[in-house]
N, C-alpha and C. Protein backbone atom coordinates (compact mmCIF):
# COMPACT_ATOMS: atom_id res chain seq x y z
N MET A 1 -10.38 32.18 -40.48
CA MET A 1 -10.16 32.11 -39.05
C MET A 1 -10.58 30.76 -38.48
N GLU A 2 -11.70 30.21 -38.98
CA GLU A 2 -12.20 28.93 -38.50
C GLU A 2 -11.24 27.80 -38.86
N ILE A 3 -10.65 27.85 -40.02
CA ILE A 3 -9.69 26.82 -40.45
C ILE A 3 -8.44 26.88 -39.58
N LYS A 4 -8.00 28.08 -39.24
CA LYS A 4 -6.82 28.24 -38.40
C LYS A 4 -7.09 27.65 -37.01
N SER A 5 -8.27 27.88 -36.48
CA SER A 5 -8.64 27.35 -35.17
C SER A 5 -8.73 25.82 -35.22
N LEU A 6 -9.32 25.29 -36.27
CA LEU A 6 -9.43 23.85 -36.44
C LEU A 6 -8.05 23.21 -36.56
N LEU A 7 -7.16 23.84 -37.33
CA LEU A 7 -5.81 23.34 -37.52
C LEU A 7 -5.04 23.35 -36.19
N LEU A 8 -5.18 24.42 -35.43
CA LEU A 8 -4.52 24.52 -34.13
C LEU A 8 -5.03 23.44 -33.17
N THR A 9 -6.33 23.19 -33.15
CA THR A 9 -6.92 22.15 -32.32
C THR A 9 -6.40 20.77 -32.73
N LEU A 10 -6.30 20.52 -34.03
CA LEU A 10 -5.82 19.25 -34.54
C LEU A 10 -4.35 19.02 -34.14
N VAL A 11 -3.52 20.05 -34.26
CA VAL A 11 -2.11 19.93 -33.86
C VAL A 11 -2.00 19.65 -32.37
N ALA A 12 -2.80 20.34 -31.55
CA ALA A 12 -2.77 20.12 -30.11
C ALA A 12 -3.20 18.69 -29.77
N LEU A 13 -4.22 18.18 -30.44
CA LEU A 13 -4.71 16.82 -30.20
C LEU A 13 -3.66 15.78 -30.58
N ILE A 14 -3.01 15.97 -31.71
CA ILE A 14 -1.96 15.04 -32.15
C ILE A 14 -0.80 15.06 -31.17
N SER A 15 -0.43 16.24 -30.70
CA SER A 15 0.67 16.36 -29.74
C SER A 15 0.33 15.62 -28.45
N PHE A 16 -0.89 15.79 -27.96
CA PHE A 16 -1.33 15.12 -26.74
C PHE A 16 -1.31 13.61 -26.91
N CYS A 17 -1.81 13.12 -28.05
CA CYS A 17 -1.85 11.68 -28.27
C CYS A 17 -0.44 11.09 -28.34
N SER A 18 0.51 11.78 -28.90
CA SER A 18 1.87 11.24 -28.98
C SER A 18 2.50 11.20 -27.60
N VAL A 19 2.18 12.17 -26.71
CA VAL A 19 2.71 12.14 -25.35
C VAL A 19 2.10 10.97 -24.58
N VAL A 20 0.80 10.77 -24.70
CA VAL A 20 0.13 9.68 -24.01
C VAL A 20 0.63 8.34 -24.52
N HIS A 21 0.84 8.21 -25.80
CA HIS A 21 1.28 6.97 -26.40
C HIS A 21 2.70 6.61 -25.97
N SER A 22 3.53 7.61 -25.68
CA SER A 22 4.93 7.35 -25.35
C SER A 22 5.16 7.15 -23.85
N PHE A 23 4.11 7.12 -23.05
CA PHE A 23 4.25 6.94 -21.60
C PHE A 23 4.78 5.55 -21.29
N GLU A 24 5.76 5.45 -20.40
CA GLU A 24 6.36 4.18 -19.99
C GLU A 24 6.07 3.95 -18.51
N PRO A 25 5.16 3.04 -18.16
CA PRO A 25 4.81 2.82 -16.76
C PRO A 25 5.85 2.02 -15.97
N ASN A 26 6.76 1.35 -16.64
CA ASN A 26 7.74 0.53 -15.94
C ASN A 26 8.92 1.37 -15.46
N PRO A 27 9.55 0.97 -14.36
CA PRO A 27 10.72 1.70 -13.88
C PRO A 27 11.84 1.67 -14.91
N LEU A 28 12.70 2.67 -14.85
CA LEU A 28 13.83 2.75 -15.77
C LEU A 28 15.00 1.89 -15.33
N GLN A 29 14.99 1.43 -14.09
CA GLN A 29 16.06 0.56 -13.61
C GLN A 29 15.43 -0.66 -12.95
N ASP A 30 16.23 -1.69 -12.77
CA ASP A 30 15.73 -2.93 -12.17
C ASP A 30 15.36 -2.74 -10.71
N PHE A 31 16.14 -1.95 -9.98
CA PHE A 31 15.86 -1.69 -8.58
C PHE A 31 16.42 -0.34 -8.20
N CYS A 32 15.93 0.17 -7.10
CA CYS A 32 16.35 1.47 -6.59
C CYS A 32 16.40 1.35 -5.07
N VAL A 33 17.55 0.93 -4.56
CA VAL A 33 17.70 0.79 -3.11
C VAL A 33 17.65 2.19 -2.50
N ALA A 34 16.80 2.36 -1.50
CA ALA A 34 16.61 3.67 -0.88
C ALA A 34 17.87 4.14 -0.18
N ASP A 35 18.20 5.41 -0.42
CA ASP A 35 19.28 6.06 0.31
C ASP A 35 18.62 6.81 1.46
N THR A 36 18.44 6.13 2.57
CA THR A 36 17.72 6.71 3.70
C THR A 36 18.52 7.78 4.43
N ASP A 37 19.81 7.90 4.12
CA ASP A 37 20.65 8.93 4.73
C ASP A 37 20.59 10.26 3.98
N SER A 38 20.05 10.25 2.77
CA SER A 38 19.99 11.48 1.97
C SER A 38 18.91 12.41 2.50
N SER A 39 19.18 13.71 2.45
CA SER A 39 18.18 14.70 2.87
C SER A 39 17.24 15.05 1.73
N VAL A 40 17.55 14.60 0.53
CA VAL A 40 16.70 14.87 -0.64
C VAL A 40 15.49 13.94 -0.58
N ARG A 41 14.30 14.49 -0.73
CA ARG A 41 13.07 13.69 -0.73
C ARG A 41 12.31 13.95 -2.02
N VAL A 42 12.03 12.89 -2.73
CA VAL A 42 11.19 12.94 -3.92
C VAL A 42 9.98 12.08 -3.60
N ASN A 43 9.37 11.47 -4.57
CA ASN A 43 8.25 10.57 -4.32
C ASN A 43 8.84 9.25 -3.80
N GLY A 44 9.21 9.25 -2.55
CA GLY A 44 9.94 8.14 -1.96
C GLY A 44 11.32 8.63 -1.60
N PHE A 45 12.30 7.75 -1.68
CA PHE A 45 13.68 8.11 -1.38
C PHE A 45 14.48 8.13 -2.67
N VAL A 46 15.58 8.86 -2.68
CA VAL A 46 16.47 8.82 -3.83
C VAL A 46 17.19 7.48 -3.82
N CYS A 47 17.71 7.09 -4.97
CA CYS A 47 18.37 5.80 -5.10
C CYS A 47 19.82 5.87 -4.64
N ARG A 48 20.23 4.85 -3.94
CA ARG A 48 21.64 4.68 -3.59
C ARG A 48 22.36 4.18 -4.84
N ASN A 49 23.64 4.38 -4.91
CA ASN A 49 24.44 3.87 -6.02
C ASN A 49 24.20 2.36 -6.12
N PRO A 50 23.75 1.85 -7.29
CA PRO A 50 23.45 0.41 -7.40
C PRO A 50 24.66 -0.49 -7.14
N MET A 51 25.85 0.05 -7.30
CA MET A 51 27.05 -0.75 -7.04
C MET A 51 27.22 -1.01 -5.53
N LEU A 52 26.49 -0.27 -4.69
CA LEU A 52 26.58 -0.44 -3.24
C LEU A 52 25.46 -1.33 -2.69
N ALA A 53 24.61 -1.85 -3.57
CA ALA A 53 23.50 -2.71 -3.12
C ALA A 53 24.03 -4.00 -2.51
N GLN A 54 23.35 -4.45 -1.47
CA GLN A 54 23.71 -5.70 -0.79
C GLN A 54 22.47 -6.59 -0.71
N ALA A 55 22.68 -7.86 -0.53
CA ALA A 55 21.56 -8.81 -0.43
C ALA A 55 20.63 -8.42 0.72
N SER A 56 21.19 -7.89 1.80
CA SER A 56 20.38 -7.52 2.97
C SER A 56 19.43 -6.36 2.68
N ASP A 57 19.64 -5.62 1.59
CA ASP A 57 18.74 -4.54 1.20
C ASP A 57 17.41 -5.06 0.69
N PHE A 58 17.32 -6.36 0.43
CA PHE A 58 16.13 -6.95 -0.17
C PHE A 58 15.47 -8.00 0.72
N SER A 59 15.83 -8.03 1.99
CA SER A 59 15.24 -9.05 2.87
C SER A 59 15.00 -8.48 4.26
N LEU A 60 14.17 -9.20 5.02
CA LEU A 60 13.83 -8.80 6.37
C LEU A 60 13.58 -10.05 7.20
N MET A 61 14.14 -10.08 8.37
CA MET A 61 13.90 -11.17 9.31
C MET A 61 12.93 -10.66 10.38
N GLY A 62 12.06 -11.52 10.86
CA GLY A 62 11.23 -11.16 12.00
C GLY A 62 9.74 -11.11 11.77
N LEU A 63 9.25 -11.22 10.54
CA LEU A 63 7.80 -11.19 10.34
C LEU A 63 7.13 -12.44 10.91
N ASN A 64 7.90 -13.46 11.17
CA ASN A 64 7.33 -14.68 11.76
C ASN A 64 7.15 -14.56 13.27
N LEU A 65 7.70 -13.50 13.87
CA LEU A 65 7.63 -13.33 15.33
C LEU A 65 6.43 -12.47 15.72
N PRO A 66 5.65 -12.91 16.69
CA PRO A 66 4.50 -12.09 17.12
C PRO A 66 4.97 -10.83 17.83
N GLY A 67 4.21 -9.75 17.65
CA GLY A 67 4.52 -8.49 18.32
C GLY A 67 3.87 -8.44 19.69
N ASN A 68 4.17 -7.41 20.44
CA ASN A 68 3.63 -7.24 21.79
C ASN A 68 2.24 -6.60 21.71
N THR A 69 1.21 -7.33 22.06
CA THR A 69 -0.16 -6.84 22.01
C THR A 69 -0.64 -6.31 23.35
N LEU A 70 0.25 -6.15 24.33
CA LEU A 70 -0.12 -5.62 25.64
C LEU A 70 -0.12 -4.09 25.57
N ASN A 71 -1.12 -3.54 24.87
CA ASN A 71 -1.28 -2.10 24.73
C ASN A 71 -2.78 -1.80 24.66
N PRO A 72 -3.19 -0.54 24.74
CA PRO A 72 -4.62 -0.21 24.76
C PRO A 72 -5.42 -0.74 23.57
N LEU A 73 -4.79 -0.88 22.39
CA LEU A 73 -5.52 -1.39 21.22
C LEU A 73 -5.54 -2.90 21.16
N GLY A 74 -4.63 -3.54 21.86
CA GLY A 74 -4.57 -5.00 21.82
C GLY A 74 -4.12 -5.53 20.48
N SER A 75 -3.29 -4.75 19.77
CA SER A 75 -2.77 -5.20 18.49
C SER A 75 -1.32 -4.74 18.35
N ALA A 76 -0.59 -5.43 17.51
CA ALA A 76 0.81 -5.08 17.26
C ALA A 76 1.07 -5.15 15.77
N ILE A 77 1.69 -4.12 15.24
CA ILE A 77 2.00 -4.06 13.81
C ILE A 77 3.51 -4.14 13.64
N THR A 78 3.94 -5.10 12.84
CA THR A 78 5.35 -5.23 12.47
C THR A 78 5.45 -4.85 10.99
N PRO A 79 6.02 -3.69 10.67
CA PRO A 79 6.04 -3.24 9.27
C PRO A 79 7.16 -3.87 8.45
N ALA A 80 6.92 -3.97 7.16
CA ALA A 80 7.94 -4.35 6.18
C ALA A 80 7.81 -3.34 5.05
N THR A 81 8.35 -2.15 5.30
CA THR A 81 8.27 -1.04 4.35
C THR A 81 9.68 -0.67 3.91
N VAL A 82 9.81 0.41 3.17
CA VAL A 82 11.12 0.86 2.70
C VAL A 82 12.06 1.13 3.87
N ALA A 83 11.52 1.56 5.01
CA ALA A 83 12.36 1.81 6.18
C ALA A 83 13.04 0.52 6.66
N GLN A 84 12.39 -0.62 6.49
CA GLN A 84 12.97 -1.89 6.93
C GLN A 84 13.64 -2.65 5.77
N ILE A 85 13.13 -2.50 4.57
CA ILE A 85 13.66 -3.18 3.38
C ILE A 85 13.94 -2.12 2.32
N PRO A 86 15.13 -1.53 2.30
CA PRO A 86 15.43 -0.44 1.36
C PRO A 86 15.22 -0.81 -0.11
N GLY A 87 15.29 -2.08 -0.45
CA GLY A 87 15.09 -2.52 -1.83
C GLY A 87 13.66 -2.39 -2.32
N LEU A 88 12.71 -2.10 -1.43
CA LEU A 88 11.31 -1.89 -1.84
C LEU A 88 11.09 -0.52 -2.47
N ASN A 89 12.05 0.38 -2.32
CA ASN A 89 11.91 1.74 -2.81
C ASN A 89 11.48 1.75 -4.28
N THR A 90 10.51 2.54 -4.61
CA THR A 90 9.92 2.76 -5.95
C THR A 90 9.11 1.58 -6.48
N LEU A 91 9.00 0.49 -5.72
CA LEU A 91 8.24 -0.66 -6.22
C LEU A 91 6.74 -0.55 -5.92
N GLY A 92 6.35 0.35 -5.03
CA GLY A 92 4.94 0.56 -4.74
C GLY A 92 4.31 -0.57 -3.95
N VAL A 93 5.09 -1.23 -3.10
CA VAL A 93 4.55 -2.34 -2.32
C VAL A 93 5.15 -2.29 -0.91
N SER A 94 4.37 -2.68 0.06
CA SER A 94 4.85 -2.85 1.42
C SER A 94 3.96 -3.90 2.08
N MET A 95 4.32 -4.30 3.28
CA MET A 95 3.57 -5.35 3.95
C MET A 95 3.69 -5.15 5.46
N VAL A 96 2.74 -5.66 6.19
CA VAL A 96 2.83 -5.65 7.65
C VAL A 96 2.33 -6.98 8.19
N ARG A 97 2.78 -7.29 9.37
CA ARG A 97 2.21 -8.42 10.12
C ARG A 97 1.45 -7.78 11.28
N ILE A 98 0.20 -8.16 11.45
CA ILE A 98 -0.60 -7.63 12.55
C ILE A 98 -0.99 -8.79 13.45
N GLY A 99 -0.70 -8.64 14.73
CA GLY A 99 -1.12 -9.62 15.71
C GLY A 99 -2.18 -9.00 16.61
N TYR A 100 -3.17 -9.76 16.98
CA TYR A 100 -4.27 -9.27 17.81
C TYR A 100 -4.36 -10.08 19.09
N ALA A 101 -4.54 -9.40 20.21
CA ALA A 101 -4.89 -10.05 21.46
C ALA A 101 -6.40 -10.30 21.40
N PRO A 102 -6.95 -11.17 22.27
CA PRO A 102 -8.41 -11.30 22.32
C PRO A 102 -9.04 -9.92 22.53
N TRP A 103 -9.99 -9.59 21.74
CA TRP A 103 -10.70 -8.31 21.72
C TRP A 103 -9.83 -7.14 21.26
N GLY A 104 -8.69 -7.44 20.64
CA GLY A 104 -7.84 -6.38 20.09
C GLY A 104 -8.47 -5.78 18.84
N LEU A 105 -8.03 -4.59 18.47
CA LEU A 105 -8.58 -3.97 17.26
C LEU A 105 -7.56 -3.15 16.51
N LYS A 106 -7.87 -2.93 15.24
CA LYS A 106 -7.11 -2.05 14.37
C LYS A 106 -8.02 -0.85 14.14
N PRO A 107 -7.63 0.34 14.60
CA PRO A 107 -8.53 1.49 14.51
C PRO A 107 -8.83 1.90 13.07
N PRO A 108 -9.90 2.68 12.87
CA PRO A 108 -10.23 3.13 11.51
C PRO A 108 -9.06 3.87 10.88
N HIS A 109 -8.82 3.56 9.61
CA HIS A 109 -7.73 4.18 8.86
C HIS A 109 -8.04 4.06 7.37
N ILE A 110 -7.28 4.79 6.55
CA ILE A 110 -7.42 4.70 5.10
C ILE A 110 -6.05 4.48 4.48
N HIS A 111 -6.05 4.00 3.26
CA HIS A 111 -4.85 3.90 2.43
C HIS A 111 -5.16 4.67 1.14
N PRO A 112 -4.73 5.93 1.06
CA PRO A 112 -5.10 6.73 -0.11
C PRO A 112 -4.45 6.28 -1.41
N CYS A 113 -3.33 5.59 -1.34
CA CYS A 113 -2.61 5.23 -2.56
C CYS A 113 -2.41 3.73 -2.72
N ALA A 114 -3.07 2.94 -1.92
CA ALA A 114 -2.82 1.50 -1.99
C ALA A 114 -4.06 0.70 -1.65
N THR A 115 -4.14 -0.47 -2.23
CA THR A 115 -5.17 -1.44 -1.89
C THR A 115 -4.62 -2.32 -0.78
N GLU A 116 -5.46 -2.69 0.16
CA GLU A 116 -5.02 -3.56 1.25
C GLU A 116 -5.49 -4.98 0.95
N ILE A 117 -4.59 -5.91 1.11
CA ILE A 117 -4.93 -7.33 0.98
C ILE A 117 -4.31 -8.05 2.17
N PHE A 118 -5.07 -8.89 2.82
CA PHE A 118 -4.50 -9.61 3.95
C PHE A 118 -5.09 -11.01 4.03
N THR A 119 -4.34 -11.85 4.72
CA THR A 119 -4.71 -13.25 4.89
C THR A 119 -4.74 -13.58 6.37
N ILE A 120 -5.79 -14.27 6.78
CA ILE A 120 -5.92 -14.73 8.16
C ILE A 120 -5.14 -16.04 8.28
N LEU A 121 -4.19 -16.09 9.20
CA LEU A 121 -3.41 -17.31 9.39
C LEU A 121 -4.01 -18.19 10.47
N LYS A 122 -4.58 -17.55 11.51
CA LYS A 122 -5.10 -18.32 12.63
C LYS A 122 -6.10 -17.44 13.38
N GLY A 123 -7.14 -18.04 13.91
CA GLY A 123 -8.10 -17.30 14.72
C GLY A 123 -9.26 -16.73 13.92
N THR A 124 -9.95 -15.78 14.54
CA THR A 124 -11.13 -15.15 13.95
C THR A 124 -10.94 -13.65 13.98
N LEU A 125 -11.31 -12.99 12.91
CA LEU A 125 -11.19 -11.54 12.81
C LEU A 125 -12.41 -10.99 12.10
N GLU A 126 -12.98 -9.93 12.65
CA GLU A 126 -14.06 -9.25 11.94
C GLU A 126 -13.45 -8.03 11.27
N ASP A 127 -13.54 -8.00 9.95
CA ASP A 127 -12.97 -6.88 9.20
C ASP A 127 -14.11 -6.10 8.56
N SER A 128 -14.00 -4.78 8.60
CA SER A 128 -15.09 -3.92 8.13
C SER A 128 -14.55 -2.77 7.33
N PHE A 129 -15.39 -2.24 6.46
CA PHE A 129 -15.06 -0.99 5.79
C PHE A 129 -16.33 -0.19 5.56
N ILE A 130 -16.14 1.11 5.49
CA ILE A 130 -17.26 2.03 5.30
C ILE A 130 -17.27 2.46 3.85
N MET A 131 -18.43 2.37 3.22
CA MET A 131 -18.56 2.78 1.82
C MET A 131 -19.80 3.64 1.63
N LYS A 132 -19.80 4.37 0.55
CA LYS A 132 -20.95 5.19 0.21
C LYS A 132 -21.94 4.31 -0.54
N GLY A 133 -23.14 4.16 0.02
CA GLY A 133 -24.14 3.32 -0.59
C GLY A 133 -25.35 4.12 -1.04
N MET A 134 -26.40 3.42 -1.42
CA MET A 134 -27.62 4.06 -1.92
C MET A 134 -28.29 4.91 -0.83
N LEU A 135 -28.16 4.51 0.42
CA LEU A 135 -28.82 5.20 1.52
C LEU A 135 -27.84 6.02 2.35
N GLY A 136 -26.72 6.37 1.78
CA GLY A 136 -25.70 7.11 2.52
C GLY A 136 -24.53 6.20 2.83
N MET A 137 -23.91 6.41 3.98
CA MET A 137 -22.75 5.61 4.36
C MET A 137 -23.19 4.25 4.90
N GLU A 138 -22.54 3.21 4.44
CA GLU A 138 -22.86 1.86 4.89
C GLU A 138 -21.61 1.18 5.40
N VAL A 139 -21.76 0.33 6.41
CA VAL A 139 -20.65 -0.45 6.92
C VAL A 139 -20.82 -1.87 6.41
N LEU A 140 -19.81 -2.35 5.70
CA LEU A 140 -19.79 -3.75 5.27
C LEU A 140 -18.82 -4.47 6.17
N SER A 141 -19.26 -5.58 6.72
CA SER A 141 -18.46 -6.29 7.70
C SER A 141 -18.48 -7.77 7.38
N GLN A 142 -17.36 -8.42 7.63
CA GLN A 142 -17.28 -9.86 7.36
C GLN A 142 -16.49 -10.51 8.48
N LEU A 143 -17.01 -11.62 8.98
CA LEU A 143 -16.32 -12.39 10.00
C LEU A 143 -15.41 -13.38 9.29
N LEU A 144 -14.13 -13.22 9.50
CA LEU A 144 -13.15 -14.08 8.85
C LEU A 144 -12.65 -15.06 9.88
N GLY A 145 -13.06 -16.29 9.78
CA GLY A 145 -12.69 -17.26 10.79
C GLY A 145 -11.98 -18.47 10.25
N GLN A 146 -11.67 -18.45 8.99
CA GLN A 146 -11.02 -19.61 8.41
C GLN A 146 -9.56 -19.29 8.14
N ALA A 147 -8.69 -20.22 8.47
CA ALA A 147 -7.28 -20.03 8.17
C ALA A 147 -7.11 -19.92 6.66
N ALA A 148 -6.22 -19.06 6.25
CA ALA A 148 -5.87 -18.81 4.86
C ALA A 148 -6.96 -18.07 4.08
N LYS A 149 -7.96 -17.50 4.75
CA LYS A 149 -8.95 -16.69 4.05
C LYS A 149 -8.32 -15.33 3.74
N THR A 150 -8.49 -14.86 2.53
CA THR A 150 -7.88 -13.61 2.09
C THR A 150 -8.97 -12.60 1.76
N LEU A 151 -8.73 -11.36 2.11
CA LEU A 151 -9.68 -10.27 1.87
C LEU A 151 -8.95 -9.12 1.18
N VAL A 152 -9.61 -8.48 0.22
CA VAL A 152 -9.05 -7.35 -0.50
C VAL A 152 -9.94 -6.14 -0.25
N LEU A 153 -9.33 -5.01 0.10
CA LEU A 153 -10.06 -3.77 0.36
C LEU A 153 -9.47 -2.65 -0.50
N SER A 154 -10.33 -1.95 -1.22
CA SER A 154 -9.88 -0.91 -2.15
C SER A 154 -9.32 0.30 -1.43
N ARG A 155 -8.50 1.05 -2.13
CA ARG A 155 -7.94 2.27 -1.56
C ARG A 155 -9.03 3.29 -1.30
N TRP A 156 -8.76 4.19 -0.40
CA TRP A 156 -9.62 5.29 0.04
C TRP A 156 -10.81 4.86 0.89
N LEU A 157 -11.02 3.58 1.10
CA LEU A 157 -12.09 3.16 2.01
C LEU A 157 -11.60 3.30 3.45
N THR A 158 -12.50 3.60 4.36
CA THR A 158 -12.16 3.62 5.78
C THR A 158 -12.27 2.18 6.29
N LEU A 159 -11.16 1.66 6.82
CA LEU A 159 -11.08 0.27 7.22
C LEU A 159 -10.90 0.15 8.73
N PHE A 160 -11.41 -0.90 9.31
CA PHE A 160 -11.15 -1.21 10.72
C PHE A 160 -11.40 -2.69 10.96
N SER A 161 -10.74 -3.22 11.98
CA SER A 161 -10.84 -4.66 12.28
C SER A 161 -10.89 -4.86 13.78
N ASP A 162 -11.49 -5.97 14.19
CA ASP A 162 -11.39 -6.36 15.60
C ASP A 162 -11.39 -7.87 15.72
N GLN A 163 -10.64 -8.33 16.69
CA GLN A 163 -10.53 -9.75 17.00
C GLN A 163 -11.56 -9.99 18.09
N ASN A 164 -12.69 -10.57 17.72
CA ASN A 164 -13.82 -10.62 18.63
C ASN A 164 -13.93 -11.92 19.44
N GLN A 165 -12.87 -12.62 19.64
CA GLN A 165 -12.93 -13.87 20.41
C GLN A 165 -12.02 -13.78 21.60
């Protein structure tokens, strides 16, 4: 009985290792332009027929234009996601342009499936995140006042920013 159990465990382990070894993390196609008109929803959008892809599916105009910051938060977000660039579908990347009025802020939020990286182009911004530390929850904050300074924030952290000038 013990040999049978050992043999069964060994077969299960070998089967698991072959499945793990055969995993392919890369997409099966070069691109998958989102079919935003389809009612079918998977992890993202279903792919449009690749023969119908157009150059405009992979580009966006307008990220160079400032948004309207005349609102209670004093900030404006211009997204560059699959909704604006259908060619981003299945690539796992998106981008936004955020403009801040003096004393504008980006309210606390999280990114459960993505790391945030951003670059300061002009002005001063205080960026903060909340993390679990030795003494409980801690707020780490950094004043970013240099043009072209880049900051990376891990997924699942609670993030917030304010333009304090």
